[in-house]
């Protein structure tokens, strides 16, 4: 196998669950950042220092010179039985071949952590670990977060949104108390609870990210206004027209008021593990 445009990723057994889900989303016209998919054999070749694989990856990096996100796409990840949420690494704001190559290794290695192995044992999935990788244009998020198309606590048929300033890793890493919103299926706001968002994850000019203090007046100010909530409701409708009614766990980000779909996976009882 060989790296391919993310829009062409169809073979889950070669490119992993995340790549094939995003590939399907791109083909359906959903707002997914452009990128490429690395198959598991290619990732292994990078890890072994194969000169041909490194040369090919360098060519990919030359075609994607701007900041990128390097994401896990393991076989079985983001599936109906296992989300692997929070188990595998994502490396943000990566620039240049050496940094991308290092990030691929970080993502690959994350499949063998004690936490990831324990997760696999708990849910009884195949222990033959194979890691694909997704490389995408980095969305310079002003606001980001997650959205569940059912209440992950009660199971009620409603939309639950969590939002933070900056990159969404502040939610994933549990660094702040995010804003929380509940909407009914028609998109009407049921509840808005402002969080305490004193830290945001921001891009560093030379690459990677840093934690940054949020201006005092924004710490408890809601991230999402009515227009952004309406845009997320439209995004949910578009996702469900492609992938069915789910329920889904959606990762999203706004850049210059445009909502982007970063990840979509089924909600499972292990989604927040």
C-alpha atoms as a PDB file:
ATOM      1  CA  UNK A   1       0.000   0.000   0.000  1.00  0.00           C
ATOM      2  CA  UNK A   2       0.966   3.630  -0.210  1.00  0.00           C
ATOM      3  CA  UNK A   3      -0.190   7.021   1.125  1.00  0.00           C
ATOM      4  CA  UNK A   4      -3.285   8.314  -0.661  1.00  0.00           C
ATOM      5  CA  UNK A   5      -5.449  11.460  -0.554  1.00  0.00           C
ATOM      6  CA  UNK A   6      -7.742  11.300   2.452  1.00  0.00           C
ATOM      7  CA  UNK A   7     -10.735  11.549   0.118  1.00  0.00           C
ATOM      8  CA  UNK A   8      -9.716   8.194  -1.412  1.00  0.00           C
ATOM      9  CA  UNK A   9      -9.468   6.266   1.885  1.00  0.00           C
ATOM     10  CA  UNK A  10     -11.971   3.408   1.696  1.00  0.00           C
ATOM     11  CA  UNK A  11     -10.114   0.344   2.994  1.00  0.00           C
ATOM     12  CA  UNK A  12     -10.474   0.309   6.785  1.00  0.00           C
ATOM     13  CA  UNK A  13      -8.167  -2.699   7.113  1.00  0.00           C
ATOM     14  CA  UNK A  14      -5.346  -0.748   5.484  1.00  0.00           C
ATOM     15  CA  UNK A  15      -5.915   2.879   6.512  1.00  0.00           C
ATOM     16  CA  UNK A  16      -7.852   2.540   9.767  1.00  0.00           C
ATOM     17  CA  UNK A  17     -11.224   3.672  11.008  1.00  0.00           C
ATOM     18  CA  UNK A  18     -10.632   7.408  11.286  1.00  0.00           C
ATOM     19  CA  UNK A  19      -9.211   7.758   7.777  1.00  0.00           C
ATOM     20  CA  UNK A  20     -12.048   5.843   6.147  1.00  0.00           C
ATOM     21  CA  UNK A  21     -14.727   7.774   8.078  1.00  0.00           C
ATOM     22  CA  UNK A  22     -13.168  11.097   7.091  1.00  0.00           C
ATOM     23  CA  UNK A  23     -12.716   9.901   3.520  1.00  0.00           C
ATOM     24  CA  UNK A  24     -16.417   9.099   3.296  1.00  0.00           C
ATOM     25  CA  UNK A  25     -17.244  12.501   4.786  1.00  0.00           C
ATOM     26  CA  UNK A  26     -15.108  14.328   2.219  1.00  0.00           C
ATOM     27  CA  UNK A  27     -16.663  12.399  -0.664  1.00  0.00           C
ATOM     28  CA  UNK A  28     -20.089  13.408   0.650  1.00  0.00           C
ATOM     29  CA  UNK A  29     -19.115  17.078   0.609  1.00  0.00           C
ATOM     30  CA  UNK A  30     -18.826  17.566   4.370  1.00  0.00           C
ATOM     31  CA  UNK A  31     -16.414  20.296   5.571  1.00  0.00           C
ATOM     32  CA  UNK A  32     -13.383  18.160   6.420  1.00  0.00           C
ATOM     33  CA  UNK A  33      -9.868  19.658   6.136  1.00  0.00           C
ATOM     34  CA  UNK A  34      -7.888  18.216   3.227  1.00  0.00           C
ATOM     35  CA  UNK A  35      -5.149  15.718   3.922  1.00  0.00           C
ATOM     36  CA  UNK A  36      -3.725  12.286   3.240  1.00  0.00           C
ATOM     37  CA  UNK A  37      -3.973   8.801   4.739  1.00  0.00           C
ATOM     38  CA  UNK A  38      -0.952   6.630   5.578  1.00  0.00           C
ATOM     39  CA  UNK A  39      -1.622   2.900   5.651  1.00  0.00           C
ATOM     40  CA  UNK A  40      -0.358   0.705   8.474  1.00  0.00           C
ATOM     41  CA  UNK A  41       2.443  -0.852   6.413  1.00  0.00           C
ATOM     42  CA  UNK A  42       3.728   2.601   5.439  1.00  0.00           C
ATOM     43  CA  UNK A  43       3.654   3.758   9.067  1.00  0.00           C
ATOM     44  CA  UNK A  44       5.634   0.671  10.049  1.00  0.00           C
ATOM     45  CA  UNK A  45       8.121   1.453   7.279  1.00  0.00           C
ATOM     46  CA  UNK A  46       8.592   4.980   8.631  1.00  0.00           C
ATOM     47  CA  UNK A  47       9.170   3.507  12.085  1.00  0.00           C
ATOM     48  CA  UNK A  48      11.831   1.177  10.705  1.00  0.00           C
ATOM     49  CA  UNK A  49      13.623   4.054   8.950  1.00  0.00           C
ATOM     50  CA  UNK A  50      12.952   2.751   5.435  1.00  0.00           C
ATOM     51  CA  UNK A  51      14.603   5.241   3.024  1.00  0.00           C
ATOM     52  CA  UNK A  52      11.927   4.905   0.350  1.00  0.00           C
ATOM     53  CA  UNK A  53       9.105   5.551   2.805  1.00  0.00           C
ATOM     54  CA  UNK A  54      10.919   8.540   4.260  1.00  0.00           C
ATOM     55  CA  UNK A  55      11.438   9.983   0.777  1.00  0.00           C
ATOM     56  CA  UNK A  56       7.753   9.530  -0.031  1.00  0.00           C
ATOM     57  CA  UNK A  57       6.738  11.187   3.248  1.00  0.00           C
ATOM     58  CA  UNK A  58       9.065  14.079   2.476  1.00  0.00           C
ATOM     59  CA  UNK A  59       7.235  14.535  -0.822  1.00  0.00           C
ATOM     60  CA  UNK A  60       3.899  14.630   0.990  1.00  0.00           C
ATOM     61  CA  UNK A  61       5.237  17.254   3.382  1.00  0.00           C
ATOM     62  CA  UNK A  62       6.436  19.364   0.449  1.00  0.00           C
ATOM     63  CA  UNK A  63       2.873  19.353  -0.912  1.00  0.00           C
ATOM     64  CA  UNK A  64       1.465  20.300   2.516  1.00  0.00           C
ATOM     65  CA  UNK A  65       3.897  23.002   3.669  1.00  0.00           C
ATOM     66  CA  UNK A  66       1.563  24.674   6.150  1.00  0.00           C
ATOM     67  CA  UNK A  67       0.829  23.521   9.692  1.00  0.00           C
ATOM     68  CA  UNK A  68      -0.775  20.079   9.850  1.00  0.00           C
ATOM     69  CA  UNK A  69      -2.416  17.823  12.391  1.00  0.00           C
ATOM     70  CA  UNK A  70      -1.088  14.258  12.632  1.00  0.00           C
ATOM     71  CA  UNK A  71      -3.835  11.934  13.907  1.00  0.00           C
ATOM     72  CA  UNK A  72      -4.156   8.263  14.780  1.00  0.00           C
ATOM     73  CA  UNK A  73      -6.173   5.938  12.561  1.00  0.00           C
ATOM     74  CA  UNK A  74      -5.763   2.481  14.042  1.00  0.00           C
ATOM     75  CA  UNK A  75      -7.539  -0.566  12.680  1.00  0.00           C
ATOM     76  CA  UNK A  76     -10.804  -0.748  14.628  1.00  0.00           C
ATOM     77  CA  UNK A  77     -10.591   2.853  15.864  1.00  0.00           C
ATOM     78  CA  UNK A  78     -13.792   4.934  15.708  1.00  0.00           C
ATOM     79  CA  UNK A  79     -15.822   1.779  15.120  1.00  0.00           C
ATOM     80  CA  UNK A  80     -19.260   0.896  16.439  1.00  0.00           C
ATOM     81  CA  UNK A  81     -17.751  -1.226  19.204  1.00  0.00           C
ATOM     82  CA  UNK A  82     -14.773   0.871  20.232  1.00  0.00           C
ATOM     83  CA  UNK A  83     -14.056   4.575  19.921  1.00  0.00           C
ATOM     84  CA  UNK A  84     -10.543   4.611  21.464  1.00  0.00           C
ATOM     85  CA  UNK A  85     -11.398   8.159  22.574  1.00  0.00           C
ATOM     86  CA  UNK A  86      -8.417   9.660  24.359  1.00  0.00           C
ATOM     87  CA  UNK A  87      -6.279   6.544  23.937  1.00  0.00           C
ATOM     88  CA  UNK A  88      -4.192   7.366  20.864  1.00  0.00           C
ATOM     89  CA  UNK A  89      -2.082  10.462  20.259  1.00  0.00           C
ATOM     90  CA  UNK A  90      -2.781  13.485  18.101  1.00  0.00           C
ATOM     91  CA  UNK A  91       0.044  15.948  17.348  1.00  0.00           C
ATOM     92  CA  UNK A  92      -1.043  19.443  16.310  1.00  0.00           C
ATOM     93  CA  UNK A  93       0.654  22.312  14.475  1.00  0.00           C
ATOM     94  CA  UNK A  94       3.383  20.215  12.874  1.00  0.00           C
ATOM     95  CA  UNK A  95       5.561  21.757  10.164  1.00  0.00           C
ATOM     96  CA  UNK A  96       8.200  20.176   7.943  1.00  0.00           C
ATOM     97  CA  UNK A  97       9.316  16.653   7.160  1.00  0.00           C
ATOM     98  CA  UNK A  98      11.357  15.930  10.289  1.00  0.00           C
ATOM     99  CA  UNK A  99       8.597  17.170  12.598  1.00  0.00           C
ATOM    100  CA  UNK A 100       5.923  15.218  10.695  1.00  0.00           C
ATOM    101  CA  UNK A 101       8.073  12.081  10.724  1.00  0.00           C
ATOM    102  CA  UNK A 102       8.563  12.408  14.481  1.00  0.00           C
ATOM    103  CA  UNK A 103       4.823  12.966  14.957  1.00  0.00           C
ATOM    104  CA  UNK A 104       4.018   9.795  12.987  1.00  0.00           C
ATOM    105  CA  UNK A 105       6.254   7.866  15.377  1.00  0.00           C
ATOM    106  CA  UNK A 106       4.576   9.446  18.411  1.00  0.00           C
ATOM    107  CA  UNK A 107       1.140   8.463  17.098  1.00  0.00           C
ATOM    108  CA  UNK A 108       2.267   4.927  16.268  1.00  0.00           C
ATOM    109  CA  UNK A 109       3.858   4.463  19.688  1.00  0.00           C
ATOM    110  CA  UNK A 110       0.672   5.592  21.437  1.00  0.00           C
ATOM    111  CA  UNK A 111      -1.047   2.355  20.397  1.00  0.00           C
ATOM    112  CA  UNK A 112       1.271   0.436  22.720  1.00  0.00           C
ATOM    113  CA  UNK A 113       0.826   2.506  25.876  1.00  0.00           C
ATOM    114  CA  UNK A 114      -0.342   0.779  29.030  1.00  0.00           C
ATOM    115  CA  UNK A 115      -3.612   2.725  28.853  1.00  0.00           C
ATOM    116  CA  UNK A 116      -4.322   1.755  25.236  1.00  0.00           C
ATOM    117  CA  UNK A 117      -3.514  -1.910  25.921  1.00  0.00           C
ATOM    118  CA  UNK A 118      -5.787  -1.925  28.968  1.00  0.00           C
ATOM    119  CA  UNK A 119      -8.576  -0.399  26.870  1.00  0.00           C
ATOM    120  CA  UNK A 120      -8.175  -3.140  24.256  1.00  0.00           C
ATOM    121  CA  UNK A 121      -8.250  -5.822  26.944  1.00  0.00           C
ATOM    122  CA  UNK A 122     -11.344  -4.307  28.560  1.00  0.00           C
ATOM    123  CA  UNK A 123     -13.402  -4.260  25.383  1.00  0.00           C
ATOM    124  CA  UNK A 124     -11.965  -7.488  23.984  1.00  0.00           C
ATOM    125  CA  UNK A 125     -10.782  -6.218  20.596  1.00  0.00           C
ATOM    126  CA  UNK A 126      -8.069  -7.741  18.448  1.00  0.00           C
ATOM    127  CA  UNK A 127      -4.675  -7.379  20.117  1.00  0.00           C
ATOM    128  CA  UNK A 128      -2.911  -7.346  16.725  1.00  0.00           C
ATOM    129  CA  UNK A 129      -2.189  -3.621  16.878  1.00  0.00           C
ATOM    130  CA  UNK A 130      -1.915  -1.869  13.514  1.00  0.00           C
ATOM    131  CA  UNK A 131      -1.737   1.909  13.314  1.00  0.00           C
ATOM    132  CA  UNK A 132      -2.552   4.035  10.305  1.00  0.00           C
ATOM    133  CA  UNK A 133      -2.097   7.805  10.351  1.00  0.00           C
ATOM    134  CA  UNK A 134      -4.015  10.800   9.004  1.00  0.00           C
ATOM    135  CA  UNK A 135      -2.186  14.022   8.095  1.00  0.00           C
ATOM    136  CA  UNK A 136      -4.509  17.020   7.648  1.00  0.00           C
ATOM    137  CA  UNK A 137      -4.331  20.753   7.266  1.00  0.00           C
ATOM    138  CA  UNK A 138      -4.542  22.216  10.739  1.00  0.00           C
ATOM    139  CA  UNK A 139      -7.704  24.202  11.399  1.00  0.00           C
ATOM    140  CA  UNK A 140      -6.659  27.398  13.187  1.00  0.00           C
ATOM    141  CA  UNK A 141      -9.532  27.101  15.621  1.00  0.00           C
ATOM    142  CA  UNK A 142     -10.886  30.115  17.454  1.00  0.00           C
ATOM    143  CA  UNK A 143     -13.468  27.864  19.134  1.00  0.00           C
ATOM    144  CA  UNK A 144     -13.578  24.080  19.169  1.00  0.00           C
ATOM    145  CA  UNK A 145     -15.152  21.169  20.958  1.00  0.00           C
ATOM    146  CA  UNK A 146     -17.244  18.027  20.766  1.00  0.00           C
ATOM    147  CA  UNK A 147     -20.892  17.308  20.032  1.00  0.00           C
ATOM    148  CA  UNK A 148     -22.912  14.227  20.925  1.00  0.00           C
ATOM    149  CA  UNK A 149     -26.095  13.507  18.986  1.00  0.00           C
ATOM    150  CA  UNK A 150     -27.586  11.919  22.069  1.00  0.00           C
ATOM    151  CA  UNK A 151     -27.072  12.774  25.721  1.00  0.00           C
ATOM    152  CA  UNK A 152     -24.054  10.629  26.719  1.00  0.00           C
ATOM    153  CA  UNK A 153     -25.246  10.515  30.341  1.00  0.00           C
ATOM    154  CA  UNK A 154     -29.004  10.024  30.057  1.00  0.00           C
ATOM    155  CA  UNK A 155     -29.279   8.661  26.523  1.00  0.00           C
ATOM    156  CA  UNK A 156     -31.957  11.258  25.723  1.00  0.00           C
ATOM    157  CA  UNK A 157     -32.450  12.153  22.057  1.00  0.00           C
ATOM    158  CA  UNK A 158     -30.932  15.638  22.082  1.00  0.00           C
ATOM    159  CA  UNK A 159     -27.711  17.385  21.025  1.00  0.00           C
ATOM    160  CA  UNK A 160     -25.070  17.986  23.693  1.00  0.00           C
ATOM    161  CA  UNK A 161     -22.236  20.377  22.852  1.00  0.00           C
ATOM    162  CA  UNK A 162     -19.046  21.132  24.794  1.00  0.00           C
ATOM    163  CA  UNK A 163     -16.956  24.124  23.676  1.00  0.00           C
ATOM    164  CA  UNK A 164     -13.693  25.874  24.563  1.00  0.00           C
ATOM    165  CA  UNK A 165     -11.592  28.734  23.233  1.00  0.00           C
ATOM    166  CA  UNK A 166      -8.745  27.770  20.886  1.00  0.00           C
ATOM    167  CA  UNK A 167      -7.884  24.219  19.871  1.00  0.00           C
ATOM    168  CA  UNK A 168     -10.083  21.385  21.060  1.00  0.00           C
ATOM    169  CA  UNK A 169      -7.291  19.629  22.952  1.00  0.00           C
ATOM    170  CA  UNK A 170      -8.302  21.638  26.020  1.00  0.00           C
ATOM    171  CA  UNK A 171     -11.474  19.521  26.108  1.00  0.00           C
ATOM    172  CA  UNK A 172      -9.718  16.245  25.287  1.00  0.00           C
ATOM    173  CA  UNK A 173      -7.070  16.794  27.959  1.00  0.00           C
ATOM    174  CA  UNK A 174      -9.577  17.977  30.557  1.00  0.00           C
ATOM    175  CA  UNK A 175      -7.693  21.229  31.149  1.00  0.00           C
ATOM    176  CA  UNK A 176     -10.786  23.388  31.667  1.00  0.00           C
ATOM    177  CA  UNK A 177     -14.476  23.149  32.427  1.00  0.00           C
ATOM    178  CA  UNK A 178     -15.997  23.621  28.948  1.00  0.00           C
ATOM    179  CA  UNK A 179     -19.201  25.424  28.132  1.00  0.00           C
ATOM    180  CA  UNK A 180     -22.096  22.984  27.896  1.00  0.00           C
ATOM    181  CA  UNK A 181     -25.140  23.388  25.638  1.00  0.00           C
ATOM    182  CA  UNK A 182     -28.188  21.212  25.119  1.00  0.00           C
ATOM    183  CA  UNK A 183     -30.359  21.560  22.017  1.00  0.00           C
ATOM    184  CA  UNK A 184     -33.442  19.676  20.956  1.00  0.00           C
ATOM    185  CA  UNK A 185     -33.626  17.958  17.600  1.00  0.00           C
ATOM    186  CA  UNK A 186     -35.049  21.105  15.989  1.00  0.00           C
ATOM    187  CA  UNK A 187     -31.973  23.067  17.090  1.00  0.00           C
ATOM    188  CA  UNK A 188     -33.714  25.023  19.855  1.00  0.00           C
ATOM    189  CA  UNK A 189     -31.505  25.740  22.850  1.00  0.00           C
ATOM    190  CA  UNK A 190     -32.667  23.927  25.998  1.00  0.00           C
ATOM    191  CA  UNK A 191     -29.807  24.810  28.328  1.00  0.00           C
ATOM    192  CA  UNK A 192     -26.565  26.793  28.286  1.00  0.00           C
ATOM    193  CA  UNK A 193     -24.050  26.460  31.111  1.00  0.00           C
ATOM    194  CA  UNK A 194     -20.948  28.608  30.873  1.00  0.00           C
ATOM    195  CA  UNK A 195     -17.788  26.794  31.885  1.00  0.00           C
ATOM    196  CA  UNK A 196     -14.567  28.060  33.398  1.00  0.00           C
ATOM    197  CA  UNK A 197     -12.140  28.306  30.484  1.00  0.00           C
ATOM    198  CA  UNK A 198      -9.072  30.018  31.924  1.00  0.00           C
ATOM    199  CA  UNK A 199      -6.660  28.169  29.607  1.00  0.00           C
ATOM    200  CA  UNK A 200      -6.679  27.626  25.871  1.00  0.00           C
ATOM    201  CA  UNK A 201      -4.392  25.633  23.599  1.00  0.00           C
ATOM    202  CA  UNK A 202      -2.845  27.848  20.942  1.00  0.00           C
ATOM    203  CA  UNK A 203      -0.449  27.276  18.057  1.00  0.00           C
ATOM    204  CA  UNK A 204       3.176  28.308  18.486  1.00  0.00           C
ATOM    205  CA  UNK A 205       4.783  30.127  15.524  1.00  0.00           C
ATOM    206  CA  UNK A 206       7.566  27.565  15.174  1.00  0.00           C
ATOM    207  CA  UNK A 207       5.323  24.537  15.538  1.00  0.00           C
ATOM    208  CA  UNK A 208       3.447  22.511  18.166  1.00  0.00           C
ATOM    209  CA  UNK A 209       1.216  24.155  20.769  1.00  0.00           C
ATOM    210  CA  UNK A 210       1.257  25.866  24.145  1.00  0.00           C
ATOM    211  CA  UNK A 211      -1.152  26.559  26.990  1.00  0.00           C
ATOM    212  CA  UNK A 212      -2.148  30.200  27.137  1.00  0.00           C
ATOM    213  CA  UNK A 213      -4.140  32.209  29.680  1.00  0.00           C
ATOM    214  CA  UNK A 214      -7.564  33.359  28.515  1.00  0.00           C
ATOM    215  CA  UNK A 215      -8.512  37.008  28.983  1.00  0.00           C
ATOM    216  CA  UNK A 216     -10.421  37.412  32.219  1.00  0.00           C
ATOM    217  CA  UNK A 217     -13.614  38.650  30.571  1.00  0.00           C
ATOM    218  CA  UNK A 218     -13.762  35.513  28.396  1.00  0.00           C
ATOM    219  CA  UNK A 219     -13.149  32.888  31.089  1.00  0.00           C
ATOM    220  CA  UNK A 220     -16.847  32.475  31.887  1.00  0.00           C
ATOM    221  CA  UNK A 221     -18.210  33.994  28.685  1.00  0.00           C
ATOM    222  CA  UNK A 222     -19.985  31.470  26.399  1.00  0.00           C
ATOM    223  CA  UNK A 223     -17.927  30.451  23.365  1.00  0.00           C
ATOM    224  CA  UNK A 224     -20.894  29.856  21.091  1.00  0.00           C
ATOM    225  CA  UNK A 225     -23.552  32.342  20.049  1.00  0.00           C
ATOM    226  CA  UNK A 226     -26.866  31.546  18.369  1.00  0.00           C
ATOM    227  CA  UNK A 227     -25.286  31.668  14.894  1.00  0.00           C
ATOM    228  CA  UNK A 228     -22.574  29.135  15.731  1.00  0.00           C
ATOM    229  CA  UNK A 229     -25.058  26.814  17.456  1.00  0.00           C
ATOM    230  CA  UNK A 230     -27.237  26.973  14.344  1.00  0.00           C
ATOM    231  CA  UNK A 231     -24.216  26.130  12.183  1.00  0.00           C
ATOM    232  CA  UNK A 232     -23.479  23.095  14.362  1.00  0.00           C
ATOM    233  CA  UNK A 233     -27.100  21.981  14.071  1.00  0.00           C
ATOM    234  CA  UNK A 234     -26.777  22.147  10.283  1.00  0.00           C
ATOM    235  CA  UNK A 235     -23.509  20.178  10.480  1.00  0.00           C
ATOM    236  CA  UNK A 236     -25.253  17.456  12.492  1.00  0.00           C
ATOM    237  CA  UNK A 237     -28.049  17.253   9.912  1.00  0.00           C
ATOM    238  CA  UNK A 238     -25.517  16.922   7.100  1.00  0.00           C
ATOM    239  CA  UNK A 239     -23.563  14.238   8.973  1.00  0.00           C
ATOM    240  CA  UNK A 240     -26.713  12.250   9.703  1.00  0.00           C
ATOM    241  CA  UNK A 241     -27.770  12.428   6.060  1.00  0.00           C
ATOM    242  CA  UNK A 242     -24.510  10.625   5.209  1.00  0.00           C
ATOM    243  CA  UNK A 243     -23.900   8.341   8.187  1.00  0.00           C
ATOM    244  CA  UNK A 244     -27.411   7.840   9.574  1.00  0.00           C
ATOM    245  CA  UNK A 245     -28.865   8.986  12.865  1.00  0.00           C
ATOM    246  CA  UNK A 246     -26.108   7.426  14.944  1.00  0.00           C
ATOM    247  CA  UNK A 247     -25.773   8.388  17.696  1.00  0.00           C
ATOM    248  CA  UNK A 248     -22.506  10.138  16.830  1.00  0.00           C
ATOM    249  CA  UNK A 249     -19.604  11.744  18.655  1.00  0.00           C
ATOM    250  CA  UNK A 250     -18.470  14.680  16.514  1.00  0.00           C
ATOM    251  CA  UNK A 251     -15.307  16.750  16.927  1.00  0.00           C
ATOM    252  CA  UNK A 252     -15.606  20.214  15.358  1.00  0.00           C
ATOM    253  CA  UNK A 253     -13.825  23.573  15.138  1.00  0.00           C
ATOM    254  CA  UNK A 254     -14.609  27.067  13.868  1.00  0.00           C
ATOM    255  CA  UNK A 255     -12.038  28.927  11.780  1.00  0.00           C
ATOM    256  CA  UNK A 256     -13.086  32.408  10.566  1.00  0.00           C
ATOM    257  CA  UNK A 257     -16.701  31.563  11.443  1.00  0.00           C
ATOM    258  CA  UNK A 258     -16.620  28.420   9.265  1.00  0.00           C
ATOM    259  CA  UNK A 259     -17.411  25.106  11.023  1.00  0.00           C
ATOM    260  CA  UNK A 260     -15.139  22.165  10.202  1.00  0.00           C
ATOM    261  CA  UNK A 261     -15.703  18.486  10.873  1.00  0.00           C
ATOM    262  CA  UNK A 262     -12.533  17.022  12.403  1.00  0.00           C
ATOM    263  CA  UNK A 263     -13.778  13.598  13.445  1.00  0.00           C
ATOM    264  CA  UNK A 264     -16.951  11.542  13.535  1.00  0.00           C
ATOM    265  CA  UNK A 265     -17.396   8.244  15.320  1.00  0.00           C
ATOM    266  CA  UNK A 266     -20.272   6.242  16.818  1.00  0.00           C
ATOM    267  CA  UNK A 267     -21.132   6.838  20.454  1.00  0.00           C
ATOM    268  CA  UNK A 268     -20.458   3.639  22.374  1.00  0.00           C
ATOM    269  CA  UNK A 269     -20.420   2.831  26.055  1.00  0.00           C
ATOM    270  CA  UNK A 270     -16.640   3.149  25.741  1.00  0.00           C
ATOM    271  CA  UNK A 271     -16.669   6.490  23.881  1.00  0.00           C
ATOM    272  CA  UNK A 272     -15.492   8.490  26.893  1.00  0.00           C
ATOM    273  CA  UNK A 273     -13.095   5.879  28.250  1.00  0.00           C
END
